[in-house]
Amino acid sequence: MIKPTSVIVHTQPSDIAKIGVILAIRYSPAFTIVDISHNIAPFNYPQTAYICRSAFKNFPDYTYHIILVNLFEKKPEQLLLAFHNNQYYICADNGLLNMILEGKPEMVMGVPLDRGASKNTIYCTSVMGKVINQLAQGESIQNIGTPDINYTEKNHLRPLLDNNWIEGQIIFIDNFENVIVNITREQFEEQRRGRSFRIVFKRDEMIDRISETYADVHPGEKLALFNSAGYLEIAINKGNAAGLFGLKGFSEKASKAEGISQNQLFYQTVRVFFE
């Protein structure tokens, strides 16, 4: 049986080294490597969580997901190995796991790192590769790590709710400059309760209906739809919404220019009024 393995990393020069170590598992014919992304913005956890969540749900059961984002938020003492909804996850102990899953995993184990080892990227990724090989060879997850461990937890980014409105944050802008907001279709409909609505964003732009496709409006016109991941998207048919409307999510370059600490994330917001 072929076991898919997904890899997601953020862009930096050592990525080649990371993938080189992970691909050590390629010698087993049981694995198929799927390299998801190298374009994760550094330190942008909401963006990472959104991309991972959107991609991982399309993989078959018992896929191994390797998440190489911000391995060194703190001095690493352990890696996390989790099992949730019939999927395996291995990542740094940095809070990202809970954000991706939007809650606690069904099972999480701590994979201890050798105290005498130089805990650099190559070492950490080699441990990840070893863990995946153990699982693929039939080793029980309970025998690989330490159960009932303390680990870093961070809350996923939630929209703000009121009786007559819901406000979301821009969590991702894709290559076409479509703007993704952290409001799901389920949250929208639950808050809407059958009422009419206005989606309002920067420069007092307004949209009052949900489209099914980009082609529902004429080229150059703005629209709102729920994308394949189920999140609210602001777009322009054959245009770039983010650039035209001045919408943007977190930018490391912008935060430096504005004198903002890198560990602070600021997002433009989109508010939906119900009437």
C-alpha atoms as a PDB file:
ATOM      1  CA  MET A   1       0.000   0.000   0.000  1.00  0.00           C
ATOM      2  CA  ILE A   2       1.395   3.414  -0.979  1.00  0.00           C
ATOM      3  CA  LYS A   3       1.374   5.904   1.888  1.00  0.00           C
ATOM      4  CA  PRO A   4       1.284   9.576   0.843  1.00  0.00           C
ATOM      5  CA  THR A   5       3.565  11.933   2.746  1.00  0.00           C
ATOM      6  CA  SER A   6       3.028  15.684   2.496  1.00  0.00           C
ATOM      7  CA  VAL A   7       5.716  18.262   3.174  1.00  0.00           C
ATOM      8  CA  ILE A   8       5.145  21.932   3.903  1.00  0.00           C
ATOM      9  CA  VAL A   9       7.960  24.402   4.604  1.00  0.00           C
ATOM     10  CA  HIS A  10       8.599  28.131   4.609  1.00  0.00           C
ATOM     11  CA  THR A  11      11.100  29.620   2.192  1.00  0.00           C
ATOM     12  CA  GLN A  12      14.719  29.923   3.257  1.00  0.00           C
ATOM     13  CA  PRO A  13      18.097  28.721   1.915  1.00  0.00           C
ATOM     14  CA  SER A  14      18.159  25.555   4.030  1.00  0.00           C
ATOM     15  CA  ASP A  15      14.977  24.209   2.404  1.00  0.00           C
ATOM     16  CA  ILE A  16      17.021  22.044   0.044  1.00  0.00           C
ATOM     17  CA  ALA A  17      18.730  20.467   3.009  1.00  0.00           C
ATOM     18  CA  LYS A  18      15.395  19.883   4.723  1.00  0.00           C
ATOM     19  CA  ILE A  19      13.859  18.168   1.745  1.00  0.00           C
ATOM     20  CA  GLY A  20      17.029  16.168   1.193  1.00  0.00           C
ATOM     21  CA  VAL A  21      16.763  14.645   4.638  1.00  0.00           C
ATOM     22  CA  ILE A  22      13.038  14.037   4.404  1.00  0.00           C
ATOM     23  CA  LEU A  23      13.484  12.320   1.061  1.00  0.00           C
ATOM     24  CA  ALA A  24      15.564   9.667   2.821  1.00  0.00           C
ATOM     25  CA  ILE A  25      12.250   7.864   3.159  1.00  0.00           C
ATOM     26  CA  ARG A  26      11.945   7.691  -0.622  1.00  0.00           C
ATOM     27  CA  TYR A  27      13.939   4.452  -0.597  1.00  0.00           C
ATOM     28  CA  SER A  28      10.828   2.740   0.690  1.00  0.00           C
ATOM     29  CA  PRO A  29       8.505   1.981  -2.222  1.00  0.00           C
ATOM     30  CA  ALA A  30       5.589   2.480   0.189  1.00  0.00           C
ATOM     31  CA  PHE A  31       5.947   6.266   0.126  1.00  0.00           C
ATOM     32  CA  THR A  32       4.818   8.959  -2.281  1.00  0.00           C
ATOM     33  CA  ILE A  33       6.163  12.427  -1.418  1.00  0.00           C
ATOM     34  CA  VAL A  34       3.856  15.384  -2.068  1.00  0.00           C
ATOM     35  CA  ASP A  35       5.666  18.704  -1.635  1.00  0.00           C
ATOM     36  CA  ILE A  36       2.873  21.175  -0.849  1.00  0.00           C
ATOM     37  CA  SER A  37       4.496  24.595  -0.496  1.00  0.00           C
ATOM     38  CA  HIS A  38       7.732  26.531  -0.092  1.00  0.00           C
ATOM     39  CA  ASN A  39       6.002  29.897   0.071  1.00  0.00           C
ATOM     40  CA  ILE A  40       4.881  30.110   3.681  1.00  0.00           C
ATOM     41  CA  ALA A  41       5.577  33.551   5.117  1.00  0.00           C
ATOM     42  CA  PRO A  42       7.961  33.281   8.085  1.00  0.00           C
ATOM     43  CA  PHE A  43       6.274  33.490  11.501  1.00  0.00           C
ATOM     44  CA  ASN A  44       2.805  33.836   9.978  1.00  0.00           C
ATOM     45  CA  TYR A  45       0.962  31.104  11.863  1.00  0.00           C
ATOM     46  CA  PRO A  46      -2.595  31.962  10.699  1.00  0.00           C
ATOM     47  CA  GLN A  47      -1.501  31.748   7.059  1.00  0.00           C
ATOM     48  CA  THR A  48       0.318  28.466   7.681  1.00  0.00           C
ATOM     49  CA  ALA A  49      -2.674  26.992   9.496  1.00  0.00           C
ATOM     50  CA  TYR A  50      -5.020  27.959   6.661  1.00  0.00           C
ATOM     51  CA  ILE A  51      -2.801  26.463   3.933  1.00  0.00           C
ATOM     52  CA  CYS A  52      -2.234  23.262   5.896  1.00  0.00           C
ATOM     53  CA  ARG A  53      -5.898  22.851   6.767  1.00  0.00           C
ATOM     54  CA  SER A  54      -6.980  23.450   3.169  1.00  0.00           C
ATOM     55  CA  ALA A  55      -4.481  20.951   1.767  1.00  0.00           C
ATOM     56  CA  PHE A  56      -4.480  18.195   4.361  1.00  0.00           C
ATOM     57  CA  LYS A  57      -8.210  17.489   4.197  1.00  0.00           C
ATOM     58  CA  ASN A  58      -7.769  16.286   0.599  1.00  0.00           C
ATOM     59  CA  PHE A  59      -5.310  13.536   1.477  1.00  0.00           C
ATOM     60  CA  PRO A  60      -6.341   9.918   2.077  1.00  0.00           C
ATOM     61  CA  ASP A  61      -6.419   8.346   5.520  1.00  0.00           C
ATOM     62  CA  TYR A  62      -3.108   7.559   7.212  1.00  0.00           C
ATOM     63  CA  THR A  63      -1.112  10.168   5.324  1.00  0.00           C
ATOM     64  CA  TYR A  64       1.981  11.507   7.123  1.00  0.00           C
ATOM     65  CA  HIS A  65       2.123  15.315   7.175  1.00  0.00           C
ATOM     66  CA  ILE A  66       5.520  16.918   7.825  1.00  0.00           C
ATOM     67  CA  ILE A  67       5.273  20.578   8.816  1.00  0.00           C
ATOM     68  CA  LEU A  68       8.625  22.381   8.681  1.00  0.00           C
ATOM     69  CA  VAL A  69       7.592  25.857   9.769  1.00  0.00           C
ATOM     70  CA  ASN A  70       9.362  27.824  12.498  1.00  0.00           C
ATOM     71  CA  LEU A  71      11.221  24.869  13.978  1.00  0.00           C
ATOM     72  CA  PHE A  72      13.107  27.119  16.366  1.00  0.00           C
ATOM     73  CA  GLU A  73      10.600  29.422  17.993  1.00  0.00           C
ATOM     74  CA  LYS A  74      12.218  28.179  21.184  1.00  0.00           C
ATOM     75  CA  LYS A  75      15.094  25.820  21.928  1.00  0.00           C
ATOM     76  CA  PRO A  76      13.709  22.452  20.793  1.00  0.00           C
ATOM     77  CA  GLU A  77      13.512  19.692  23.371  1.00  0.00           C
ATOM     78  CA  GLN A  78      10.914  17.596  21.578  1.00  0.00           C
ATOM     79  CA  LEU A  79       8.975  17.273  18.351  1.00  0.00           C
ATOM     80  CA  LEU A  80       5.259  16.547  18.259  1.00  0.00           C
ATOM     81  CA  LEU A  81       3.736  13.461  16.671  1.00  0.00           C
ATOM     82  CA  ALA A  82      -0.052  13.595  16.482  1.00  0.00           C
ATOM     83  CA  PHE A  83      -2.826  11.390  15.155  1.00  0.00           C
ATOM     84  CA  HIS A  84      -6.127  13.066  14.311  1.00  0.00           C
ATOM     85  CA  ASN A  85      -8.988  12.129  11.976  1.00  0.00           C
ATOM     86  CA  ASN A  86      -6.935   9.218  10.627  1.00  0.00           C
ATOM     87  CA  GLN A  87      -4.001  11.476   9.692  1.00  0.00           C
ATOM     88  CA  TYR A  88      -0.497  11.688  11.162  1.00  0.00           C
ATOM     89  CA  TYR A  89       1.175  15.037  11.840  1.00  0.00           C
ATOM     90  CA  ILE A  90       4.765  15.706  12.836  1.00  0.00           C
ATOM     91  CA  CYS A  91       5.948  19.220  13.572  1.00  0.00           C
ATOM     92  CA  ALA A  92       7.789  21.475  16.009  1.00  0.00           C
ATOM     93  CA  ASP A  93       6.418  22.147  19.466  1.00  0.00           C
ATOM     94  CA  ASN A  94       5.498  25.736  18.609  1.00  0.00           C
ATOM     95  CA  GLY A  95       1.693  25.978  18.912  1.00  0.00           C
ATOM     96  CA  LEU A  96       0.975  25.493  15.226  1.00  0.00           C
ATOM     97  CA  LEU A  97      -0.560  22.039  15.635  1.00  0.00           C
ATOM     98  CA  ASN A  98      -3.619  23.316  17.513  1.00  0.00           C
ATOM     99  CA  MET A  99      -4.095  26.142  15.013  1.00  0.00           C
ATOM    100  CA  ILE A 100      -4.109  23.720  12.080  1.00  0.00           C
ATOM    101  CA  LEU A 101      -6.561  21.336  13.746  1.00  0.00           C
ATOM    102  CA  GLU A 102      -8.621  24.160  15.298  1.00  0.00           C
ATOM    103  CA  GLY A 103      -8.459  22.323  18.598  1.00  0.00           C
ATOM    104  CA  LYS A 104      -6.671  19.521  20.396  1.00  0.00           C
ATOM    105  CA  PRO A 105      -5.582  16.410  18.485  1.00  0.00           C
ATOM    106  CA  GLU A 106      -7.065  13.041  19.355  1.00  0.00           C
ATOM    107  CA  MET A 107      -3.602  11.789  20.281  1.00  0.00           C
ATOM    108  CA  VAL A 108      -0.309  13.630  20.635  1.00  0.00           C
ATOM    109  CA  MET A 109       3.081  12.247  21.604  1.00  0.00           C
ATOM    110  CA  GLY A 110       6.308  14.009  22.403  1.00  0.00           C
ATOM    111  CA  VAL A 111       9.282  12.771  20.397  1.00  0.00           C
ATOM    112  CA  PRO A 112      12.317  13.542  22.579  1.00  0.00           C
ATOM    113  CA  LEU A 113      15.459  14.946  21.009  1.00  0.00           C
ATOM    114  CA  ASP A 114      18.894  13.735  22.032  1.00  0.00           C
ATOM    115  CA  ARG A 115      20.253  16.141  24.634  1.00  0.00           C
ATOM    116  CA  GLY A 116      23.758  15.749  23.268  1.00  0.00           C
ATOM    117  CA  ALA A 117      22.802  16.366  19.654  1.00  0.00           C
ATOM    118  CA  SER A 118      23.239  19.626  17.799  1.00  0.00           C
ATOM    119  CA  LYS A 119      19.583  20.512  17.386  1.00  0.00           C
ATOM    120  CA  ASN A 120      19.762  22.106  13.965  1.00  0.00           C
ATOM    121  CA  THR A 121      17.449  21.749  10.997  1.00  0.00           C
ATOM    122  CA  ILE A 122      19.173  18.662   9.609  1.00  0.00           C
ATOM    123  CA  TYR A 123      18.968  16.848  12.918  1.00  0.00           C
ATOM    124  CA  CYS A 124      15.285  17.682  13.507  1.00  0.00           C
ATOM    125  CA  THR A 125      14.226  16.637  10.029  1.00  0.00           C
ATOM    126  CA  SER A 126      16.212  13.406  10.293  1.00  0.00           C
ATOM    127  CA  VAL A 127      14.276  12.566  13.463  1.00  0.00           C
ATOM    128  CA  MET A 128      11.028  13.225  11.578  1.00  0.00           C
ATOM    129  CA  GLY A 129      12.095  10.870   8.799  1.00  0.00           C
ATOM    130  CA  LYS A 130      13.004   8.174  11.316  1.00  0.00           C
ATOM    131  CA  VAL A 131       9.609   8.471  13.022  1.00  0.00           C
ATOM    132  CA  ILE A 132       7.746   8.094   9.728  1.00  0.00           C
ATOM    133  CA  ASN A 133       9.755   5.019   8.835  1.00  0.00           C
ATOM    134  CA  GLN A 134       8.943   3.484  12.226  1.00  0.00           C
ATOM    135  CA  LEU A 135       5.233   4.095  11.738  1.00  0.00           C
ATOM    136  CA  ALA A 136       5.313   2.713   8.205  1.00  0.00           C
ATOM    137  CA  GLN A 137       7.006  -0.444   9.470  1.00  0.00           C
ATOM    138  CA  GLY A 138       4.149  -1.071  11.877  1.00  0.00           C
ATOM    139  CA  GLU A 139       5.479   0.456  15.080  1.00  0.00           C
ATOM    140  CA  SER A 140       2.690   1.678  17.352  1.00  0.00           C
ATOM    141  CA  ILE A 141       2.529   5.433  17.853  1.00  0.00           C
ATOM    142  CA  GLN A 142       2.476   4.815  21.611  1.00  0.00           C
ATOM    143  CA  ASN A 143       5.907   3.187  21.385  1.00  0.00           C
ATOM    144  CA  ILE A 144       7.513   6.023  19.461  1.00  0.00           C
ATOM    145  CA  GLY A 145       6.906   9.024  21.686  1.00  0.00           C
ATOM    146  CA  THR A 146       6.053  10.037  25.216  1.00  0.00           C
ATOM    147  CA  PRO A 147       2.326  10.337  26.040  1.00  0.00           C
ATOM    148  CA  ASP A 148       0.624  12.962  28.216  1.00  0.00           C
ATOM    149  CA  ILE A 149       3.253  15.597  27.559  1.00  0.00           C
ATOM    150  CA  ASN A 150       3.026  19.340  28.016  1.00  0.00           C
ATOM    151  CA  TYR A 151       3.231  21.128  24.706  1.00  0.00           C
ATOM    152  CA  THR A 152       2.736  24.620  23.328  1.00  0.00           C
ATOM    153  CA  GLU A 153      -0.831  25.521  22.368  1.00  0.00           C
ATOM    154  CA  LYS A 154      -2.007  28.561  20.412  1.00  0.00           C
ATOM    155  CA  ASN A 155      -5.585  29.435  19.572  1.00  0.00           C
ATOM    156  CA  HIS A 156      -6.543  29.571  15.927  1.00  0.00           C
ATOM    157  CA  LEU A 157      -7.667  32.921  14.585  1.00  0.00           C
ATOM    158  CA  ARG A 158     -11.433  33.243  15.030  1.00  0.00           C
ATOM    159  CA  PRO A 159     -13.801  35.858  13.585  1.00  0.00           C
ATOM    160  CA  LEU A 160     -15.516  38.304  15.929  1.00  0.00           C
ATOM    161  CA  LEU A 161     -19.262  37.792  16.320  1.00  0.00           C
ATOM    162  CA  ASP A 162     -22.204  40.020  17.191  1.00  0.00           C
ATOM    163  CA  ASN A 163     -25.960  39.647  16.688  1.00  0.00           C
ATOM    164  CA  ASN A 164     -25.913  41.778  13.540  1.00  0.00           C
ATOM    165  CA  TRP A 165     -22.406  41.360  12.172  1.00  0.00           C
ATOM    166  CA  ILE A 166     -19.380  39.108  11.859  1.00  0.00           C
ATOM    167  CA  GLU A 167     -15.847  40.429  11.393  1.00  0.00           C
ATOM    168  CA  GLY A 168     -13.029  38.379   9.916  1.00  0.00           C
ATOM    169  CA  GLN A 169      -9.322  38.907   9.325  1.00  0.00           C
ATOM    170  CA  ILE A 170      -7.419  38.485   6.082  1.00  0.00           C
ATOM    171  CA  ILE A 171      -5.361  35.346   6.527  1.00  0.00           C
ATOM    172  CA  PHE A 172      -4.107  34.737   2.995  1.00  0.00           C
ATOM    173  CA  ILE A 173      -3.695  36.445  -0.363  1.00  0.00           C
ATOM    174  CA  ASP A 174      -3.092  34.028  -3.232  1.00  0.00           C
ATOM    175  CA  ASN A 175      -1.021  34.488  -6.382  1.00  0.00           C
ATOM    176  CA  PHE A 176      -4.001  36.042  -8.180  1.00  0.00           C
ATOM    177  CA  GLU A 177      -4.389  38.522  -5.284  1.00  0.00           C
ATOM    178  CA  ASN A 178      -7.676  37.013  -4.222  1.00  0.00           C
ATOM    179  CA  VAL A 179      -8.225  37.782  -0.551  1.00  0.00           C
ATOM    180  CA  ILE A 180      -9.094  34.963   1.872  1.00  0.00           C
ATOM    181  CA  VAL A 181     -10.907  35.846   5.102  1.00  0.00           C
ATOM    182  CA  ASN A 182     -11.207  33.592   8.147  1.00  0.00           C
ATOM    183  CA  ILE A 183     -15.000  33.308   7.898  1.00  0.00           C
ATOM    184  CA  THR A 184     -16.319  29.917   6.846  1.00  0.00           C
ATOM    185  CA  ARG A 185     -19.573  29.297   5.020  1.00  0.00           C
ATOM    186  CA  GLU A 186     -20.959  27.590   8.136  1.00  0.00           C
ATOM    187  CA  GLN A 187     -20.124  30.579  10.349  1.00  0.00           C
ATOM    188  CA  PHE A 188     -21.584  32.964   7.803  1.00  0.00           C
ATOM    189  CA  GLU A 189     -24.897  31.108   7.457  1.00  0.00           C
ATOM    190  CA  GLU A 190     -25.237  30.503  11.184  1.00  0.00           C
ATOM    191  CA  GLN A 191     -24.823  34.204  11.878  1.00  0.00           C
ATOM    192  CA  ARG A 192     -26.893  35.293   8.897  1.00  0.00           C
ATOM    193  CA  ARG A 193     -30.060  33.371   9.832  1.00  0.00           C
ATOM    194  CA  GLY A 194     -31.623  34.017   6.431  1.00  0.00           C
ATOM    195  CA  ARG A 195     -31.140  37.800   6.521  1.00  0.00           C
ATOM    196  CA  SER A 196     -29.789  40.023   3.761  1.00  0.00           C
ATOM    197  CA  PHE A 197     -26.191  41.183   4.205  1.00  0.00           C
ATOM    198  CA  ARG A 198     -23.487  43.635   3.206  1.00  0.00           C
ATOM    199  CA  ILE A 199     -19.820  42.654   3.058  1.00  0.00           C
ATOM    200  CA  VAL A 200     -17.838  45.818   3.777  1.00  0.00           C
ATOM    201  CA  PHE A 201     -14.066  46.206   3.527  1.00  0.00           C
ATOM    202  CA  LYS A 202     -11.396  48.862   3.110  1.00  0.00           C
ATOM    203  CA  ARG A 203     -12.350  52.134   1.330  1.00  0.00           C
ATOM    204  CA  ASP A 204     -16.020  51.424   2.074  1.00  0.00           C
ATOM    205  CA  GLU A 205     -16.293  48.886  -0.699  1.00  0.00           C
ATOM    206  CA  MET A 206     -19.438  46.744  -0.428  1.00  0.00           C
ATOM    207  CA  ILE A 207     -20.727  43.424  -1.812  1.00  0.00           C
ATOM    208  CA  ASP A 208     -24.267  42.228  -1.104  1.00  0.00           C
ATOM    209  CA  ARG A 209     -24.412  38.792  -2.680  1.00  0.00           C
ATOM    210  CA  ILE A 210     -22.428  35.552  -2.759  1.00  0.00           C
ATOM    211  CA  SER A 211     -21.292  34.306  -6.156  1.00  0.00           C
ATOM    212  CA  GLU A 212     -20.751  30.678  -7.085  1.00  0.00           C
ATOM    213  CA  THR A 213     -17.912  31.334  -9.562  1.00  0.00           C
ATOM    214  CA  TYR A 214     -15.766  34.247 -10.728  1.00  0.00           C
ATOM    215  CA  ALA A 215     -17.704  34.259 -13.994  1.00  0.00           C
ATOM    216  CA  ASP A 216     -20.894  35.285 -12.183  1.00  0.00           C
ATOM    217  CA  VAL A 217     -19.798  38.909 -12.638  1.00  0.00           C
ATOM    218  CA  HIS A 218     -18.365  40.819 -15.606  1.00  0.00           C
ATOM    219  CA  PRO A 219     -14.573  41.083 -15.962  1.00  0.00           C
ATOM    220  CA  GLY A 220     -13.246  43.810 -13.688  1.00  0.00           C
ATOM    221  CA  GLU A 221     -16.159  43.583 -11.234  1.00  0.00           C
ATOM    222  CA  LYS A 222     -15.716  42.605  -7.589  1.00  0.00           C
ATOM    223  CA  LEU A 223     -17.333  39.563  -6.036  1.00  0.00           C
ATOM    224  CA  ALA A 224     -17.462  37.430  -2.909  1.00  0.00           C
ATOM    225  CA  LEU A 225     -17.633  33.656  -2.855  1.00  0.00           C
ATOM    226  CA  PHE A 226     -16.770  30.723  -0.629  1.00  0.00           C
ATOM    227  CA  ASN A 227     -13.691  29.002  -2.018  1.00  0.00           C
ATOM    228  CA  SER A 228     -12.991  25.278  -2.253  1.00  0.00           C
ATOM    229  CA  ALA A 229     -11.671  25.324   1.310  1.00  0.00           C
ATOM    230  CA  GLY A 230     -14.963  26.797   2.521  1.00  0.00           C
ATOM    231  CA  TYR A 231     -13.636  30.276   3.392  1.00  0.00           C
ATOM    232  CA  LEU A 232     -14.932  33.683   2.334  1.00  0.00           C
ATOM    233  CA  GLU A 233     -12.970  35.105  -0.586  1.00  0.00           C
ATOM    234  CA  ILE A 234     -12.989  38.644  -1.984  1.00  0.00           C
ATOM    235  CA  ALA A 235     -11.962  38.739  -5.632  1.00  0.00           C
ATOM    236  CA  ILE A 236     -12.204  40.595  -8.933  1.00  0.00           C
ATOM    237  CA  ASN A 237     -13.029  38.672 -12.070  1.00  0.00           C
ATOM    238  CA  LYS A 238      -9.797  38.768 -14.094  1.00  0.00           C
ATOM    239  CA  GLY A 239      -8.361  41.356 -11.708  1.00  0.00           C
ATOM    240  CA  ASN A 240      -6.367  41.697  -8.494  1.00  0.00           C
ATOM    241  CA  ALA A 241      -8.558  42.539  -5.521  1.00  0.00           C
ATOM    242  CA  ALA A 242      -5.782  42.925  -2.967  1.00  0.00           C
ATOM    243  CA  GLY A 243      -3.887  45.472  -5.041  1.00  0.00           C
ATOM    244  CA  LEU A 244      -6.897  47.435  -6.233  1.00  0.00           C
ATOM    245  CA  PHE A 245      -8.535  47.766  -2.832  1.00  0.00           C
ATOM    246  CA  GLY A 246      -5.341  48.080  -0.796  1.00  0.00           C
ATOM    247  CA  LEU A 247      -6.075  44.933   1.183  1.00  0.00           C
ATOM    248  CA  LYS A 248      -3.276  43.016   2.798  1.00  0.00           C
ATOM    249  CA  GLY A 249      -2.563  40.495   5.489  1.00  0.00           C
ATOM    250  CA  PHE A 250       0.615  40.177   7.498  1.00  0.00           C
ATOM    251  CA  SER A 251       3.864  41.201   5.755  1.00  0.00           C
ATOM    252  CA  GLU A 252       7.239  40.802   7.426  1.00  0.00           C
ATOM    253  CA  LYS A 253       8.714  43.509   5.209  1.00  0.00           C
ATOM    254  CA  ALA A 254       5.900  45.923   6.020  1.00  0.00           C
ATOM    255  CA  SER A 255       6.136  45.204   9.725  1.00  0.00           C
ATOM    256  CA  LYS A 256       9.842  46.046   9.716  1.00  0.00           C
ATOM    257  CA  ALA A 257       9.208  49.260   7.831  1.00  0.00           C
ATOM    258  CA  GLU A 258       6.575  50.289  10.344  1.00  0.00           C
ATOM    259  CA  GLY A 259       8.743  49.396  13.292  1.00  0.00           C
ATOM    260  CA  ILE A 260       6.506  46.510  14.375  1.00  0.00           C
ATOM    261  CA  SER A 261       8.009  43.534  16.137  1.00  0.00           C
ATOM    262  CA  GLN A 262       8.119  40.391  13.999  1.00  0.00           C
ATOM    263  CA  ASN A 263       6.141  38.415  16.555  1.00  0.00           C
ATOM    264  CA  GLN A 264       3.153  40.734  16.194  1.00  0.00           C
ATOM    265  CA  LEU A 265       0.703  40.048  13.397  1.00  0.00           C
ATOM    266  CA  PHE A 266      -1.658  42.692  12.065  1.00  0.00           C
ATOM    267  CA  TYR A 267      -4.458  41.996   9.620  1.00  0.00           C
ATOM    268  CA  GLN A 268      -6.903  44.008   7.604  1.00  0.00           C
ATOM    269  CA  THR A 269     -10.464  43.138   8.513  1.00  0.00           C
ATOM    270  CA  VAL A 270     -13.636  42.428   6.552  1.00  0.00           C
ATOM    271  CA  ARG A 271     -17.012  42.923   8.243  1.00  0.00           C
ATOM    272  CA  VAL A 272     -20.347  41.425   7.203  1.00  0.00           C
ATOM    273  CA  PHE A 273     -23.465  43.294   8.355  1.00  0.00           C
ATOM    274  CA  PHE A 274     -26.786  41.419   8.560  1.00  0.00           C
ATOM    275  CA  GLU A 275     -30.045  43.286   8.105  1.00  0.00           C
END
